[in-house]
């Protein structure tokens, strides 16, 4: 599987617009239509929010592709966690929008989210 792009970034609300723009560009390169691109951007954003709630300060987003677009979002530097009731909604949204969603957990918290389009 070919890596298209990998980004290491600090987690914070101020970075989300930049991440959404980069994700949209990758979706375009991968040949996703507008609706699937929007779904992918939502999934990446929700994955980052899950990691933020798990206490991560930094994350890595990796995009891979050949026949489909595969995305992996993983926490890098963990601090204090602040679980949220919205986490269940984020997980359900990811499951509804993306194919083959995998949530990797450690100590009860999500540490990596993988999915495909």
PDB file of N, CA and C in Angstrom:
ATOM      1  N   UNK A   1       0.836  -1.168   0.000  1.00  0.00           N
ATOM      2  CA  UNK A   1       0.000   0.000   0.000  1.00  0.00           C
ATOM      3  C   UNK A   1       0.890   1.244   0.000  1.00  0.00           C
ATOM      4  N   UNK A   2       0.562   2.189  -0.823  1.00  0.00           N
ATOM      5  CA  UNK A   2       1.377   3.387  -1.001  1.00  0.00           C
ATOM      6  C   UNK A   2       0.966   4.483  -0.011  1.00  0.00           C
ATOM      7  N   UNK A   3       1.949   5.033   0.710  1.00  0.00           N
ATOM      8  CA  UNK A   3       1.670   6.152   1.616  1.00  0.00           C
ATOM      9  C   UNK A   3       1.552   7.418   0.780  1.00  0.00           C
ATOM     10  N   UNK A   4       0.428   8.114   0.949  1.00  0.00           N
ATOM     11  CA  UNK A   4       0.192   9.350   0.216  1.00  0.00           C
ATOM     12  C   UNK A   4       0.661  10.575   0.989  1.00  0.00           C
ATOM     13  N   UNK A   5       0.447  10.557   2.315  1.00  0.00           N
ATOM     14  CA  UNK A   5       0.826  11.692   3.150  1.00  0.00           C
ATOM     15  C   UNK A   5       0.782  11.268   4.605  1.00  0.00           C
ATOM     16  N   UNK A   6       1.699  11.793   5.395  1.00  0.00           N
ATOM     17  CA  UNK A   6       1.690  11.572   6.829  1.00  0.00           C
ATOM     18  C   UNK A   6       1.983  12.902   7.505  1.00  0.00           C
ATOM     19  N   UNK A   7       1.152  13.256   8.486  1.00  0.00           N
ATOM     20  CA  UNK A   7       1.299  14.528   9.190  1.00  0.00           C
ATOM     21  C   UNK A   7       1.382  14.289  10.692  1.00  0.00           C
ATOM     22  N   UNK A   8       2.365  14.872  11.346  1.00  0.00           N
ATOM     23  CA  UNK A   8       2.427  14.912  12.807  1.00  0.00           C
ATOM     24  C   UNK A   8       2.038  16.333  13.196  1.00  0.00           C
ATOM     25  N   UNK A   9       1.111  16.452  14.150  1.00  0.00           N
ATOM     26  CA  UNK A   9       0.625  17.777  14.478  1.00  0.00           C
ATOM     27  C   UNK A   9       0.194  17.882  15.927  1.00  0.00           C
ATOM     28  N   UNK A  10       0.248  19.112  16.470  1.00  0.00           N
ATOM     29  CA  UNK A  10      -0.269  19.320  17.825  1.00  0.00           C
ATOM     30  C   UNK A  10      -1.795  19.273  17.756  1.00  0.00           C
ATOM     31  N   UNK A  11      -2.409  18.756  18.811  1.00  0.00           N
ATOM     32  CA  UNK A  11      -3.865  18.691  18.830  1.00  0.00           C
ATOM     33  C   UNK A  11      -4.438  19.941  19.472  1.00  0.00           C
ATOM     34  N   UNK A  12      -5.335  20.562  18.769  1.00  0.00           N
ATOM     35  CA  UNK A  12      -6.015  21.743  19.256  1.00  0.00           C
ATOM     36  C   UNK A  12      -7.025  22.187  18.226  1.00  0.00           C
ATOM     37  N   UNK A  13      -8.023  22.914  18.648  1.00  0.00           N
ATOM     38  CA  UNK A  13      -9.090  23.330  17.744  1.00  0.00           C
ATOM     39  C   UNK A  13      -8.575  24.223  16.615  1.00  0.00           C
ATOM     40  N   UNK A  14      -7.484  24.954  16.864  1.00  0.00           N
ATOM     41  CA  UNK A  14      -6.957  25.871  15.851  1.00  0.00           C
ATOM     42  C   UNK A  14      -6.356  25.146  14.639  1.00  0.00           C
ATOM     43  N   UNK A  15      -6.036  23.880  14.754  1.00  0.00           N
ATOM     44  CA  UNK A  15      -5.409  23.134  13.660  1.00  0.00           C
ATOM     45  C   UNK A  15      -6.434  22.403  12.790  1.00  0.00           C
ATOM     46  N   UNK A  16      -7.680  22.320  13.240  1.00  0.00           N
ATOM     47  CA  UNK A  16      -8.687  21.499  12.550  1.00  0.00           C
ATOM     48  C   UNK A  16      -8.975  21.964  11.126  1.00  0.00           C
ATOM     49  N   UNK A  17      -9.020  23.270  10.877  1.00  0.00           N
ATOM     50  CA  UNK A  17      -9.283  23.757   9.525  1.00  0.00           C
ATOM     51  C   UNK A  17      -8.174  23.335   8.580  1.00  0.00           C
ATOM     52  N   UNK A  18      -6.941  23.429   9.018  1.00  0.00           N
ATOM     53  CA  UNK A  18      -5.807  23.011   8.195  1.00  0.00           C
ATOM     54  C   UNK A  18      -5.871  21.514   7.892  1.00  0.00           C
ATOM     55  N   UNK A  19      -6.216  20.724   8.890  1.00  0.00           N
ATOM     56  CA  UNK A  19      -6.329  19.270   8.698  1.00  0.00           C
ATOM     57  C   UNK A  19      -7.437  18.956   7.707  1.00  0.00           C
ATOM     58  N   UNK A  20      -8.567  19.644   7.821  1.00  0.00           N
ATOM     59  CA  UNK A  20      -9.678  19.401   6.891  1.00  0.00           C
ATOM     60  C   UNK A  20      -9.279  19.752   5.458  1.00  0.00           C
ATOM     61  N   UNK A  21      -8.537  20.837   5.278  1.00  0.00           N
ATOM     62  CA  UNK A  21      -8.083  21.222   3.933  1.00  0.00           C
ATOM     63  C   UNK A  21      -7.122  20.175   3.359  1.00  0.00           C
ATOM     64  N   UNK A  22      -6.175  19.722   4.175  1.00  0.00           N
ATOM     65  CA  UNK A  22      -5.229  18.698   3.713  1.00  0.00           C
ATOM     66  C   UNK A  22      -5.959  17.401   3.383  1.00  0.00           C
ATOM     67  N   UNK A  23      -6.917  17.025   4.218  1.00  0.00           N
ATOM     68  CA  UNK A  23      -7.685  15.805   3.969  1.00  0.00           C
ATOM     69  C   UNK A  23      -8.465  15.923   2.663  1.00  0.00           C
ATOM     70  N   UNK A  24      -9.053  17.078   2.421  1.00  0.00           N
ATOM     71  CA  UNK A  24      -9.781  17.285   1.169  1.00  0.00           C
ATOM     72  C   UNK A  24      -8.883  17.135  -0.051  1.00  0.00           C
ATOM     73  N   UNK A  25      -7.666  17.638   0.041  1.00  0.00           N
ATOM     74  CA  UNK A  25      -6.713  17.492  -1.058  1.00  0.00           C
ATOM     75  C   UNK A  25      -6.346  16.044  -1.316  1.00  0.00           C
ATOM     76  N   UNK A  26      -6.120  15.292  -0.251  1.00  0.00           N
ATOM     77  CA  UNK A  26      -5.793  13.868  -0.398  1.00  0.00           C
ATOM     78  C   UNK A  26      -6.970  13.108  -0.985  1.00  0.00           C
ATOM     79  N   UNK A  27      -8.176  13.433  -0.538  1.00  0.00           N
ATOM     80  CA  UNK A  27      -9.377  12.774  -1.073  1.00  0.00           C
ATOM     81  C   UNK A  27      -9.503  13.026  -2.573  1.00  0.00           C
ATOM     82  N   UNK A  28      -9.200  14.236  -2.992  1.00  0.00           N
ATOM     83  CA  UNK A  28      -9.240  14.568  -4.409  1.00  0.00           C
ATOM     84  C   UNK A  28      -8.227  13.743  -5.191  1.00  0.00           C
ATOM     85  N   UNK A  29      -6.997  13.646  -4.659  1.00  0.00           N
ATOM     86  CA  UNK A  29      -5.971  12.829  -5.316  1.00  0.00           C
ATOM     87  C   UNK A  29      -6.375  11.364  -5.394  1.00  0.00           C
ATOM     88  N   UNK A  30      -7.103  10.895  -4.384  1.00  0.00           N
ATOM     89  CA  UNK A  30      -7.520   9.496  -4.335  1.00  0.00           C
ATOM     90  C   UNK A  30      -8.758   9.233  -5.197  1.00  0.00           C
ATOM     91  N   UNK A  31      -9.354  10.285  -5.757  1.00  0.00           N
ATOM     92  CA  UNK A  31     -10.489  10.108  -6.646  1.00  0.00           C
ATOM     93  C   UNK A  31     -11.843   9.998  -5.956  1.00  0.00           C
ATOM     94  N   UNK A  32     -11.934  10.399  -4.695  1.00  0.00           N
ATOM     95  CA  UNK A  32     -13.217  10.366  -4.002  1.00  0.00           C
ATOM     96  C   UNK A  32     -14.104  11.497  -4.505  1.00  0.00           C
ATOM     97  N   UNK A  33     -15.405  11.229  -4.609  1.00  0.00           N
ATOM     98  CA  UNK A  33     -16.322  12.286  -5.006  1.00  0.00           C
ATOM     99  C   UNK A  33     -16.535  13.244  -3.829  1.00  0.00           C
ATOM    100  N   UNK A  34     -17.255  14.325  -4.069  1.00  0.00           N
ATOM    101  CA  UNK A  34     -17.410  15.374  -3.069  1.00  0.00           C
ATOM    102  C   UNK A  34     -18.059  14.858  -1.783  1.00  0.00           C
ATOM    103  N   UNK A  35     -19.107  14.035  -1.914  1.00  0.00           N
ATOM    104  CA  UNK A  35     -19.790  13.520  -0.717  1.00  0.00           C
ATOM    105  C   UNK A  35     -18.873  12.633   0.114  1.00  0.00           C
ATOM    106  N   UNK A  36     -18.140  11.746  -0.518  1.00  0.00           N
ATOM    107  CA  UNK A  36     -17.224  10.855   0.213  1.00  0.00           C
ATOM    108  C   UNK A  36     -16.067  11.661   0.813  1.00  0.00           C
ATOM    109  N   UNK A  37     -15.629  12.703   0.107  1.00  0.00           N
ATOM    110  CA  UNK A  37     -14.565  13.566   0.645  1.00  0.00           C
ATOM    111  C   UNK A  37     -15.034  14.262   1.909  1.00  0.00           C
ATOM    112  N   UNK A  38     -16.258  14.767   1.905  1.00  0.00           N
ATOM    113  CA  UNK A  38     -16.802  15.418   3.097  1.00  0.00           C
ATOM    114  C   UNK A  38     -16.909  14.419   4.249  1.00  0.00           C
ATOM    115  N   UNK A  39     -17.362  13.204   3.950  1.00  0.00           N
ATOM    116  CA  UNK A  39     -17.453  12.158   4.975  1.00  0.00           C
ATOM    117  C   UNK A  39     -16.078  11.864   5.571  1.00  0.00           C
ATOM    118  N   UNK A  40     -15.066  11.789   4.708  1.00  0.00           N
ATOM    119  CA  UNK A  40     -13.711  11.500   5.174  1.00  0.00           C
ATOM    120  C   UNK A  40     -13.196  12.625   6.069  1.00  0.00           C
ATOM    121  N   UNK A  41     -13.462  13.866   5.693  1.00  0.00           N
ATOM    122  CA  UNK A  41     -13.029  15.006   6.509  1.00  0.00           C
ATOM    123  C   UNK A  41     -13.686  14.961   7.888  1.00  0.00           C
ATOM    124  N   UNK A  42     -14.965  14.607   7.925  1.00  0.00           N
ATOM    125  CA  UNK A  42     -15.659  14.483   9.214  1.00  0.00           C
ATOM    126  C   UNK A  42     -15.020  13.371  10.047  1.00  0.00           C
ATOM    127  N   UNK A  43     -14.705  12.250   9.418  1.00  0.00           N
ATOM    128  CA  UNK A  43     -14.108  11.118  10.141  1.00  0.00           C
ATOM    129  C   UNK A  43     -12.734  11.465  10.710  1.00  0.00           C
ATOM    130  N   UNK A  44     -11.930  12.167   9.946  1.00  0.00           N
ATOM    131  CA  UNK A  44     -10.615  12.578  10.443  1.00  0.00           C
ATOM    132  C   UNK A  44     -10.778  13.527  11.630  1.00  0.00           C
ATOM    133  N   UNK A  45     -11.674  14.503  11.494  1.00  0.00           N
ATOM    134  CA  UNK A  45     -11.899  15.454  12.577  1.00  0.00           C
ATOM    135  C   UNK A  45     -12.411  14.762  13.836  1.00  0.00           C
ATOM    136  N   UNK A  46     -13.380  13.864  13.696  1.00  0.00           N
ATOM    137  CA  UNK A  46     -13.920  13.147  14.850  1.00  0.00           C
ATOM    138  C   UNK A  46     -12.852  12.262  15.501  1.00  0.00           C
ATOM    139  N   UNK A  47     -11.990  11.671  14.692  1.00  0.00           N
ATOM    140  CA  UNK A  47     -10.899  10.849  15.231  1.00  0.00           C
ATOM    141  C   UNK A  47      -9.957  11.694  16.074  1.00  0.00           C
ATOM    142  N   UNK A  48      -9.639  12.881  15.588  1.00  0.00           N
ATOM    143  CA  UNK A  48      -8.773  13.784  16.350  1.00  0.00           C
ATOM    144  C   UNK A  48      -9.433  14.216  17.659  1.00  0.00           C
ATOM    145  N   UNK A  49     -10.733  14.470  17.618  1.00  0.00           N
ATOM    146  CA  UNK A  49     -11.447  14.838  18.841  1.00  0.00           C
ATOM    147  C   UNK A  49     -11.421  13.702  19.861  1.00  0.00           C
ATOM    148  N   UNK A  50     -11.575  12.467  19.395  1.00  0.00           N
ATOM    149  CA  UNK A  50     -11.490  11.307  20.298  1.00  0.00           C
ATOM    150  C   UNK A  50     -10.119  11.249  20.965  1.00  0.00           C
ATOM    151  N   UNK A  51      -9.069  11.497  20.196  1.00  0.00           N
ATOM    152  CA  UNK A  51      -7.715  11.480  20.762  1.00  0.00           C
ATOM    153  C   UNK A  51      -7.509  12.628  21.742  1.00  0.00           C
ATOM    154  N   UNK A  52      -8.063  13.794  21.433  1.00  0.00           N
ATOM    155  CA  UNK A  52      -7.956  14.930  22.352  1.00  0.00           C
ATOM    156  C   UNK A  52      -8.626  14.584  23.686  1.00  0.00           C
ATOM    157  N   UNK A  53      -9.810  13.979  23.623  1.00  0.00           N
ATOM    158  CA  UNK A  53     -10.520  13.599  24.847  1.00  0.00           C
ATOM    159  C   UNK A  53      -9.768  12.525  25.620  1.00  0.00           C
ATOM    160  N   UNK A  54      -8.986  11.703  24.911  1.00  0.00           N
ATOM    161  CA  UNK A  54      -8.178  10.668  25.566  1.00  0.00           C
ATOM    162  C   UNK A  54      -6.909  11.255  26.178  1.00  0.00           C
ATOM    163  N   UNK A  55      -6.694  12.558  26.001  1.00  0.00           N
ATOM    164  CA  UNK A  55      -5.569  13.230  26.635  1.00  0.00           C
ATOM    165  C   UNK A  55      -4.345  13.407  25.763  1.00  0.00           C
ATOM    166  N   UNK A  56      -4.446  13.096  24.479  1.00  0.00           N
ATOM    167  CA  UNK A  56      -3.283  13.255  23.608  1.00  0.00           C
ATOM    168  C   UNK A  56      -3.068  14.715  23.254  1.00  0.00           C
ATOM    169  N   UNK A  57      -1.814  15.112  23.232  1.00  0.00           N
ATOM    170  CA  UNK A  57      -1.427  16.480  22.868  1.00  0.00           C
ATOM    171  C   UNK A  57      -0.969  16.574  21.421  1.00  0.00           C
ATOM    172  N   UNK A  58      -0.562  15.428  20.861  1.00  0.00           N
ATOM    173  CA  UNK A  58      -0.100  15.372  19.473  1.00  0.00           C
ATOM    174  C   UNK A  58      -0.685  14.140  18.806  1.00  0.00           C
ATOM    175  N   UNK A  59      -0.766  14.210  17.468  1.00  0.00           N
ATOM    176  CA  UNK A  59      -1.303  13.074  16.713  1.00  0.00           C
ATOM    177  C   UNK A  59      -0.570  12.943  15.386  1.00  0.00           C
ATOM    178  N   UNK A  60      -0.686  11.775  14.803  1.00  0.00           N
ATOM    179  CA  UNK A  60      -0.162  11.509  13.456  1.00  0.00           C
ATOM    180  C   UNK A  60      -1.331  11.041  12.607  1.00  0.00           C
ATOM    181  N   UNK A  61      -1.494  11.679  11.463  1.00  0.00           N
ATOM    182  CA  UNK A  61      -2.502  11.263  10.493  1.00  0.00           C
ATOM    183  C   UNK A  61      -1.746  10.724   9.289  1.00  0.00           C
ATOM    184  N   UNK A  62      -2.063   9.496   8.898  1.00  0.00           N
ATOM    185  CA  UNK A  62      -1.415   8.886   7.740  1.00  0.00           C
ATOM    186  C   UNK A  62      -2.481   8.462   6.738  1.00  0.00           C
ATOM    187  N   UNK A  63      -2.241   8.805   5.479  1.00  0.00           N
ATOM    188  CA  UNK A  63      -3.141   8.448   4.385  1.00  0.00           C
ATOM    189  C   UNK A  63      -2.409   7.477   3.473  1.00  0.00           C
ATOM    190  N   UNK A  64      -3.067   6.377   3.141  1.00  0.00           N
ATOM    191  CA  UNK A  64      -2.510   5.363   2.249  1.00  0.00           C
ATOM    192  C   UNK A  64      -3.521   5.097   1.152  1.00  0.00           C
ATOM    193  N   UNK A  65      -3.052   4.721  -0.019  1.00  0.00           N
ATOM    194  CA  UNK A  65      -4.016   4.443  -1.067  1.00  0.00           C
ATOM    195  C   UNK A  65      -3.474   3.644  -2.214  1.00  0.00           C
ATOM    196  N   UNK A  66      -4.366   2.912  -2.810  1.00  0.00           N
ATOM    197  CA  UNK A  66      -4.188   2.240  -4.090  1.00  0.00           C
ATOM    198  C   UNK A  66      -5.591   2.068  -4.657  1.00  0.00           C
ATOM    199  N   UNK A  67      -6.293   1.023  -4.245  1.00  0.00           N
ATOM    200  CA  UNK A  67      -7.666   0.810  -4.698  1.00  0.00           C
ATOM    201  C   UNK A  67      -8.674   1.571  -3.852  1.00  0.00           C
ATOM    202  N   UNK A  68      -8.305   1.925  -2.643  1.00  0.00           N
ATOM    203  CA  UNK A  68      -9.165   2.667  -1.721  1.00  0.00           C
ATOM    204  C   UNK A  68      -8.280   3.611  -0.921  1.00  0.00           C
ATOM    205  N   UNK A  69      -8.897   4.524  -0.219  1.00  0.00           N
ATOM    206  CA  UNK A  69      -8.165   5.432   0.652  1.00  0.00           C
ATOM    207  C   UNK A  69      -8.241   4.898   2.074  1.00  0.00           C
ATOM    208  N   UNK A  70      -7.086   4.635   2.666  1.00  0.00           N
ATOM    209  CA  UNK A  70      -7.001   4.164   4.046  1.00  0.00           C
ATOM    210  C   UNK A  70      -6.428   5.292   4.896  1.00  0.00           C
ATOM    211  N   UNK A  71      -7.031   5.488   6.070  1.00  0.00           N
ATOM    212  CA  UNK A  71      -6.610   6.564   6.957  1.00  0.00           C
ATOM    213  C   UNK A  71      -6.342   5.988   8.341  1.00  0.00           C
ATOM    214  N   UNK A  72      -5.227   6.406   8.931  1.00  0.00           N
ATOM    215  CA  UNK A  72      -4.897   6.019  10.310  1.00  0.00           C
ATOM    216  C   UNK A  72      -4.601   7.301  11.084  1.00  0.00           C
ATOM    217  N   UNK A  73      -5.300   7.469  12.218  1.00  0.00           N
ATOM    218  CA  UNK A  73      -5.119   8.630  13.084  1.00  0.00           C
ATOM    219  C   UNK A  73      -4.703   8.088  14.444  1.00  0.00           C
ATOM    220  N   UNK A  74      -3.504   8.455  14.905  1.00  0.00           N
ATOM    221  CA  UNK A  74      -3.008   7.890  16.162  1.00  0.00           C
ATOM    222  C   UNK A  74      -2.434   8.961  17.073  1.00  0.00           C
ATOM    223  N   UNK A  75      -2.637   8.765  18.365  1.00  0.00           N
ATOM    224  CA  UNK A  75      -2.103   9.674  19.351  1.00  0.00           C
ATOM    225  C   UNK A  75      -0.620   9.453  19.551  1.00  0.00           C
ATOM    226  N   UNK A  76       0.116  10.539  19.789  1.00  0.00           N
ATOM    227  CA  UNK A  76       1.563  10.442  19.957  1.00  0.00           C
ATOM    228  C   UNK A  76       2.035  10.787  21.368  1.00  0.00           C
ATOM    229  N   UNK A  77       1.548  11.873  21.929  1.00  0.00           N
ATOM    230  CA  UNK A  77       2.018  12.309  23.250  1.00  0.00           C
ATOM    231  C   UNK A  77       0.801  12.480  24.148  1.00  0.00           C
ATOM    232  N   UNK A  78       0.747  11.659  25.198  1.00  0.00           N
ATOM    233  CA  UNK A  78      -0.452  11.633  26.028  1.00  0.00           C
ATOM    234  C   UNK A  78      -0.261  12.390  27.331  1.00  0.00           C
ATOM    235  N   UNK A  79      -1.284  13.140  27.689  1.00  0.00           N
ATOM    236  CA  UNK A  79      -1.325  13.855  28.959  1.00  0.00           C
ATOM    237  C   UNK A  79      -2.544  13.404  29.741  1.00  0.00           C
ATOM    238  N   UNK A  80      -3.225  14.347  30.346  1.00  0.00           N
ATOM    239  CA  UNK A  80      -4.430  14.065  31.127  1.00  0.00           C
ATOM    240  C   UNK A  80      -5.622  13.854  30.204  1.00  0.00           C
ATOM    241  N   UNK A  81      -6.443  12.861  30.526  1.00  0.00           N
ATOM    242  CA  UNK A  81      -7.613  12.611  29.694  1.00  0.00           C
ATOM    243  C   UNK A  81      -8.834  13.317  30.261  1.00  0.00           C
ATOM    244  N   UNK A  82      -9.764  13.607  29.369  1.00  0.00           N
ATOM    245  CA  UNK A  82     -11.029  14.223  29.748  1.00  0.00           C
ATOM    246  C   UNK A  82     -12.135  13.582  28.924  1.00  0.00           C
ATOM    247  N   UNK A  83     -12.490  12.310  29.240  1.00  0.00           N
ATOM    248  CA  UNK A  83     -13.520  11.626  28.459  1.00  0.00           C
ATOM    249  C   UNK A  83     -14.795  12.459  28.385  1.00  0.00           C
ATOM    250  N   UNK A  84     -15.493  12.307  27.285  1.00  0.00           N
ATOM    251  CA  UNK A  84     -16.683  13.103  27.037  1.00  0.00           C
ATOM    252  C   UNK A  84     -17.830  12.192  26.628  1.00  0.00           C
ATOM    253  N   UNK A  85     -19.045  12.609  26.936  1.00  0.00           N
ATOM    254  CA  UNK A  85     -20.218  11.864  26.467  1.00  0.00           C
ATOM    255  C   UNK A  85     -20.295  11.890  24.943  1.00  0.00           C
ATOM    256  N   UNK A  86     -19.681  12.883  24.331  1.00  0.00           N
ATOM    257  CA  UNK A  86     -19.687  13.004  22.880  1.00  0.00           C
ATOM    258  C   UNK A  86     -18.846  11.919  22.208  1.00  0.00           C
ATOM    259  N   UNK A  87     -17.996  11.225  22.966  1.00  0.00           N
ATOM    260  CA  UNK A  87     -17.158  10.177  22.380  1.00  0.00           C
ATOM    261  C   UNK A  87     -18.006   9.072  21.754  1.00  0.00           C
ATOM    262  N   UNK A  88     -19.089   8.694  22.392  1.00  0.00           N
ATOM    263  CA  UNK A  88     -19.962   7.658  21.841  1.00  0.00           C
ATOM    264  C   UNK A  88     -20.576   8.117  20.524  1.00  0.00           C
ATOM    265  N   UNK A  89     -20.923   9.380  20.452  1.00  0.00           N
ATOM    266  CA  UNK A  89     -21.483   9.932  19.215  1.00  0.00           C
ATOM    267  C   UNK A  89     -20.425   9.931  18.123  1.00  0.00           C
ATOM    268  N   UNK A  90     -19.201  10.312  18.465  1.00  0.00           N
ATOM    269  CA  UNK A  90     -18.102  10.310  17.490  1.00  0.00           C
ATOM    270  C   UNK A  90     -17.854   8.906  16.957  1.00  0.00           C
ATOM    271  N   UNK A  91     -17.840   7.923  17.849  1.00  0.00           N
ATOM    272  CA  UNK A  91     -17.621   6.540  17.423  1.00  0.00           C
ATOM    273  C   UNK A  91     -18.744   6.063  16.503  1.00  0.00           C
ATOM    274  N   UNK A  92     -19.982   6.392  16.840  1.00  0.00           N
ATOM    275  CA  UNK A  92     -21.121   5.994  16.008  1.00  0.00           C
ATOM    276  C   UNK A  92     -21.067   6.677  14.643  1.00  0.00           C
ATOM    277  N   UNK A  93     -20.685   7.945  14.630  1.00  0.00           N
ATOM    278  CA  UNK A  93     -20.576   8.691  13.378  1.00  0.00           C
ATOM    279  C   UNK A  93     -19.511   8.082  12.474  1.00  0.00           C
ATOM    280  N   UNK A  94     -18.372   7.755  13.058  1.00  0.00           N
ATOM    281  CA  UNK A  94     -17.310   7.105  12.284  1.00  0.00           C
ATOM    282  C   UNK A  94     -17.802   5.785  11.702  1.00  0.00           C
ATOM    283  N   UNK A  95     -18.487   4.998  12.503  1.00  0.00           N
ATOM    284  CA  UNK A  95     -19.002   3.720  12.033  1.00  0.00           C
ATOM    285  C   UNK A  95     -20.009   3.865  10.916  1.00  0.00           C
ATOM    286  N   UNK A  96     -20.790   4.937  10.949  1.00  0.00           N
ATOM    287  CA  UNK A  96     -21.807   5.153   9.925  1.00  0.00           C
ATOM    288  C   UNK A  96     -21.225   5.685   8.613  1.00  0.00           C
ATOM    289  N   UNK A  97     -20.162   6.485   8.704  1.00  0.00           N
ATOM    290  CA  UNK A  97     -19.628   7.152   7.512  1.00  0.00           C
ATOM    291  C   UNK A  97     -18.514   6.391   6.805  1.00  0.00           C
ATOM    292  N   UNK A  98     -17.694   5.677   7.552  1.00  0.00           N
ATOM    293  CA  UNK A  98     -16.504   5.038   6.965  1.00  0.00           C
ATOM    294  C   UNK A  98     -16.659   3.524   6.946  1.00  0.00           C
ATOM    295  N   UNK A  99     -15.861   2.898   6.106  1.00  0.00           N
ATOM    296  CA  UNK A  99     -15.855   1.443   6.054  1.00  0.00           C
ATOM    297  C   UNK A  99     -14.749   0.877   6.915  1.00  0.00           C
ATOM    298  N   UNK A 100     -14.988  -0.264   7.505  1.00  0.00           N
ATOM    299  CA  UNK A 100     -13.974  -0.995   8.280  1.00  0.00           C
ATOM    300  C   UNK A 100     -13.290  -0.135   9.345  1.00  0.00           C
ATOM    301  N   UNK A 101     -14.058   0.462  10.225  1.00  0.00           N
ATOM    302  CA  UNK A 101     -13.482   1.293  11.287  1.00  0.00           C
ATOM    303  C   UNK A 101     -12.935   0.397  12.387  1.00  0.00           C
ATOM    304  N   UNK A 102     -11.704   0.692  12.824  1.00  0.00           N
ATOM    305  CA  UNK A 102     -11.074  -0.031  13.923  1.00  0.00           C
ATOM    306  C   UNK A 102     -10.636   0.988  14.967  1.00  0.00           C
ATOM    307  N   UNK A 103     -11.073   0.768  16.211  1.00  0.00           N
ATOM    308  CA  UNK A 103     -10.662   1.615  17.332  1.00  0.00           C
ATOM    309  C   UNK A 103      -9.688   0.801  18.175  1.00  0.00           C
ATOM    310  N   UNK A 104      -8.443   1.238  18.248  1.00  0.00           N
ATOM    311  CA  UNK A 104      -7.459   0.583  19.113  1.00  0.00           C
ATOM    312  C   UNK A 104      -7.456   1.322  20.443  1.00  0.00           C
ATOM    313  N   UNK A 105      -7.500   0.555  21.535  1.00  0.00           N
ATOM    314  CA  UNK A 105      -7.588   1.139  22.879  1.00  0.00           C
ATOM    315  C   UNK A 105      -6.432   0.663  23.749  1.00  0.00           C
ATOM    316  N   UNK A 106      -6.080   1.508  24.691  1.00  0.00           N
ATOM    317  CA  UNK A 106      -5.110   1.171  25.733  1.00  0.00           C
ATOM    318  C   UNK A 106      -5.599   1.819  27.013  1.00  0.00           C
ATOM    319  N   UNK A 107      -5.636   1.059  28.068  1.00  0.00           N
ATOM    320  CA  UNK A 107      -6.114   1.564  29.359  1.00  0.00           C
ATOM    321  C   UNK A 107      -7.499   2.196  29.247  1.00  0.00           C
ATOM    322  N   UNK A 108      -8.358   1.618  28.399  1.00  0.00           N
ATOM    323  CA  UNK A 108      -9.724   2.099  28.254  1.00  0.00           C
ATOM    324  C   UNK A 108      -9.913   3.304  27.356  1.00  0.00           C
ATOM    325  N   UNK A 109      -8.839   3.857  26.841  1.00  0.00           N
ATOM    326  CA  UNK A 109      -8.945   5.057  25.982  1.00  0.00           C
ATOM    327  C   UNK A 109      -8.548   4.715  24.550  1.00  0.00           C
ATOM    328  N   UNK A 110      -9.143   5.406  23.609  1.00  0.00           N
ATOM    329  CA  UNK A 110      -8.796   5.229  22.205  1.00  0.00           C
ATOM    330  C   UNK A 110      -7.429   5.844  21.949  1.00  0.00           C
ATOM    331  N   UNK A 111      -6.544   5.062  21.315  1.00  0.00           N
ATOM    332  CA  UNK A 111      -5.196   5.540  21.000  1.00  0.00           C
ATOM    333  C   UNK A 111      -4.945   5.601  19.488  1.00  0.00           C
ATOM    334  N   UNK A 112      -5.821   4.910  18.713  1.00  0.00           N
ATOM    335  CA  UNK A 112      -5.666   4.907  17.251  1.00  0.00           C
ATOM    336  C   UNK A 112      -7.015   4.584  16.617  1.00  0.00           C
ATOM    337  N   UNK A 113      -7.305   5.269  15.528  1.00  0.00           N
ATOM    338  CA  UNK A 113      -8.508   5.018  14.743  1.00  0.00           C
ATOM    339  C   UNK A 113      -8.060   4.775  13.305  1.00  0.00           C
ATOM    340  N   UNK A 114      -8.549   3.695  12.721  1.00  0.00           N
ATOM    341  CA  UNK A 114      -8.229   3.380  11.319  1.00  0.00           C
ATOM    342  C   UNK A 114      -9.532   3.155  10.571  1.00  0.00           C
ATOM    343  N   UNK A 115      -9.581   3.643   9.330  1.00  0.00           N
ATOM    344  CA  UNK A 115     -10.785   3.448   8.517  1.00  0.00           C
ATOM    345  C   UNK A 115     -10.425   3.586   7.050  1.00  0.00           C
ATOM    346  N   UNK A 116     -11.391   3.265   6.197  1.00  0.00           N
ATOM    347  CA  UNK A 116     -11.147   3.354   4.764  1.00  0.00           C
ATOM    348  C   UNK A 116     -12.340   3.943   4.038  1.00  0.00           C
ATOM    349  N   UNK A 117     -12.069   4.489   2.860  1.00  0.00           N
ATOM    350  CA  UNK A 117     -13.097   5.011   1.957  1.00  0.00           C
ATOM    351  C   UNK A 117     -12.863   4.454   0.586  1.00  0.00           C
TER     352      UNK A 117
END
